[in-house]
Protein backbone atom coordinates (compact mmCIF):
# COMPACT_ATOMS: atom_id res chain seq x y z
CA MET A 1 -93.55 -4.76 273.78
CA LYS A 2 -90.75 -5.86 271.65
CA ILE A 3 -88.15 -3.26 270.54
CA ALA A 4 -85.89 -3.40 267.34
CA ILE A 5 -82.68 -1.42 268.16
CA GLY A 6 -79.57 -0.70 266.30
CA SER A 7 -76.86 1.92 265.78
CA ASP A 8 -73.83 2.75 263.72
CA HIS A 9 -70.31 3.03 265.35
CA GLY A 10 -71.04 6.60 266.42
CA GLY A 11 -73.90 5.34 268.65
CA PHE A 12 -72.66 1.98 269.72
CA PHE A 13 -71.91 3.06 273.43
CA LEU A 14 -75.40 4.74 273.77
CA LYS A 15 -77.08 1.59 272.24
CA GLU A 16 -75.40 -0.45 274.98
CA GLU A 17 -76.70 1.84 277.69
CA ILE A 18 -80.19 1.65 276.21
CA LYS A 19 -80.14 -2.05 276.06
CA ARG A 20 -79.30 -2.16 279.62
CA LEU A 21 -82.28 0.23 280.34
CA LEU A 22 -84.64 -2.05 278.19
CA GLU A 23 -83.53 -4.97 280.40
CA GLU A 24 -84.18 -3.03 283.52
CA LEU A 25 -87.86 -2.29 282.25
CA GLY A 26 -88.33 -5.92 281.41
CA LEU A 27 -88.69 -5.31 277.71
CA GLU A 28 -87.56 -7.79 275.16
CA TYR A 29 -85.48 -6.30 272.27
CA GLN A 30 -83.55 -7.60 269.20
CA ASP A 31 -80.23 -5.83 268.42
CA PHE A 32 -79.73 -5.23 264.73
CA GLY A 33 -76.16 -4.18 264.94
CA CYS A 34 -73.66 -2.71 265.04
CA HIS A 35 -71.87 -5.14 267.68
CA SER A 36 -68.60 -2.95 268.18
CA PRO A 37 -67.23 0.45 267.70
CA GLU A 38 -65.81 -0.54 264.33
CA SER A 39 -67.04 1.62 261.46
CA VAL A 40 -70.10 0.76 259.75
CA ASP A 41 -72.51 2.58 257.52
CA TYR A 42 -75.71 3.72 259.21
CA PRO A 43 -78.13 3.22 256.20
CA ASP A 44 -77.52 -0.54 256.46
CA ILE A 45 -78.72 -0.45 260.19
CA ALA A 46 -81.57 1.94 259.65
CA GLU A 47 -82.86 -0.22 256.96
CA ALA A 48 -82.55 -3.43 258.98
CA VAL A 49 -84.54 -1.94 261.96
CA GLY A 50 -86.89 -0.04 259.65
CA GLU A 51 -87.94 -2.93 257.79
CA ALA A 52 -88.53 -5.02 260.92
CA VAL A 53 -90.69 -2.27 262.33
CA ALA A 54 -92.61 -1.58 258.94
CA ARG A 55 -93.28 -5.36 258.52
CA GLY A 56 -94.85 -5.31 262.06
CA GLU A 57 -92.44 -7.79 263.70
CA TYR A 58 -91.50 -5.21 266.27
CA PRO A 59 -94.10 -2.21 267.28
CA ARG A 60 -91.28 0.19 267.97
CA GLY A 61 -87.62 0.73 267.15
CA ILE A 62 -84.73 2.78 268.37
CA LEU A 63 -81.77 3.87 266.22
CA ILE A 64 -78.73 5.76 267.32
CA CYS A 65 -75.84 7.29 265.43
CA GLY A 66 -73.53 10.23 266.18
CA THR A 67 -76.03 12.86 265.66
CA GLY A 68 -79.18 10.84 265.05
CA ILE A 69 -79.62 12.79 261.82
CA GLY A 70 -78.35 10.33 259.29
CA ILE A 71 -79.99 7.32 260.67
CA SER A 72 -83.38 9.07 260.93
CA ILE A 73 -83.14 10.33 257.28
CA ALA A 74 -82.14 6.76 256.14
CA ALA A 75 -84.98 5.13 258.22
CA ASN A 76 -87.60 7.62 256.96
CA LYS A 77 -86.99 6.34 253.42
CA ILE A 78 -88.63 3.06 254.26
CA PRO A 79 -92.53 2.97 253.74
CA GLY A 80 -94.20 2.58 257.06
CA VAL A 81 -91.61 4.12 259.11
CA ARG A 82 -92.19 7.34 261.16
CA ALA A 83 -88.78 7.92 262.64
CA ALA A 84 -88.26 10.89 264.86
CA LEU A 85 -85.12 12.48 266.13
CA CYS A 86 -85.37 13.47 269.68
CA HIS A 87 -82.91 15.06 272.10
CA ASP A 88 -85.45 16.05 274.80
CA THR A 89 -88.37 14.55 276.63
CA PHE A 90 -90.96 17.12 275.41
CA SER A 91 -90.27 16.07 271.69
CA ALA A 92 -90.11 12.28 272.76
CA ARG A 93 -93.76 12.62 274.17
CA ALA A 94 -95.04 14.92 271.48
CA THR A 95 -93.70 12.46 268.71
CA ARG A 96 -95.79 9.56 270.09
CA GLU A 97 -98.91 11.63 270.93
CA HIS A 98 -98.97 13.73 267.78
CA ASN A 99 -97.03 11.83 265.09
CA ASP A 100 -97.45 7.98 266.21
CA ALA A 101 -93.69 7.72 265.56
CA ASN A 102 -92.63 4.12 265.70
CA ILE A 103 -88.79 4.71 265.71
CA LEU A 104 -87.00 6.79 268.08
CA CYS A 105 -83.59 8.16 266.77
CA MET A 106 -81.06 9.76 269.05
CA GLY A 107 -77.36 11.02 268.68
CA GLU A 108 -74.67 9.72 271.16
CA ARG A 109 -72.49 12.77 270.47
CA VAL A 110 -75.47 15.10 271.12
CA ILE A 111 -76.83 13.94 274.53
CA GLY A 112 -75.57 12.24 277.47
CA PHE A 113 -76.53 8.77 278.76
CA GLY A 114 -78.86 10.00 281.47
CA LEU A 115 -80.97 12.28 279.44
CA ALA A 116 -81.08 9.52 276.65
CA ARG A 117 -82.53 7.04 279.20
CA GLU A 118 -85.21 9.77 280.18
CA ILE A 119 -86.10 10.25 276.63
CA VAL A 120 -86.42 6.56 275.84
CA LYS A 121 -88.57 5.84 279.00
CA THR A 122 -90.83 8.91 278.00
CA TRP A 123 -91.17 7.69 274.33
CA LEU A 124 -91.78 4.02 275.35
CA GLU A 125 -94.62 5.32 277.79
CA GLY A 126 -96.28 7.67 275.22
CA SER A 127 -99.20 6.63 273.16
CA PHE A 128 -100.78 8.12 270.18
CA ALA A 129 -103.54 10.52 270.87
CA GLY A 130 -105.60 10.00 267.71
CA GLY A 131 -108.25 12.61 267.02
CA ARG A 132 -107.08 15.44 264.78
CA HIS A 133 -103.61 13.90 264.78
CA GLN A 134 -104.85 10.66 263.02
CA ARG A 135 -105.86 12.90 260.07
CA ARG A 136 -102.25 14.08 259.79
CA VAL A 137 -100.64 10.73 260.12
CA ASP A 138 -103.05 9.47 257.42
CA LYS A 139 -101.78 12.29 255.20
CA ILE A 140 -98.23 11.23 255.77
CA ARG A 141 -99.24 7.65 254.73
CA GLN A 142 -100.92 9.15 251.65
CA LEU A 143 -97.71 11.01 250.80
CA GLU A 144 -95.76 7.92 251.08
CA GLN A 145 -97.97 5.83 248.81
CA LYS A 146 -98.00 8.90 246.22
CA HIS A 147 -94.26 9.17 246.07
CA SER A 148 -93.27 5.46 246.36
CA LYS A 149 -94.60 4.87 242.75
């Protein structure tokens, strides 16, 4: 599985830690920035990762900013993206099983590196349950189409 990963300056150090985890897990990734703790605008990073995931170039993405909030809001503006902000493993599992989330968002200023690593592992191992959840994901897609006109 190839992962698209990105952060703004507020998530830079956690992104670097998650890249190490991906390497430990033997997963290929592309870093869409930022490449230093210098200030950047999170919507730019969310757009780059979100579009790569929406185009199908990467089945999953990970986005990190200071809180995870702004970058998740920005990513969810891209049709085809289902970005989920998770700061615990229960949510990480549920968002894969129930929502088929294709981008995981986290906040470096909210959680520690150890918990973040567990969240990422849980999220990557999760799979979509389908069934009644498929109907709901289909309704999300319908909302996207309806409101993107």
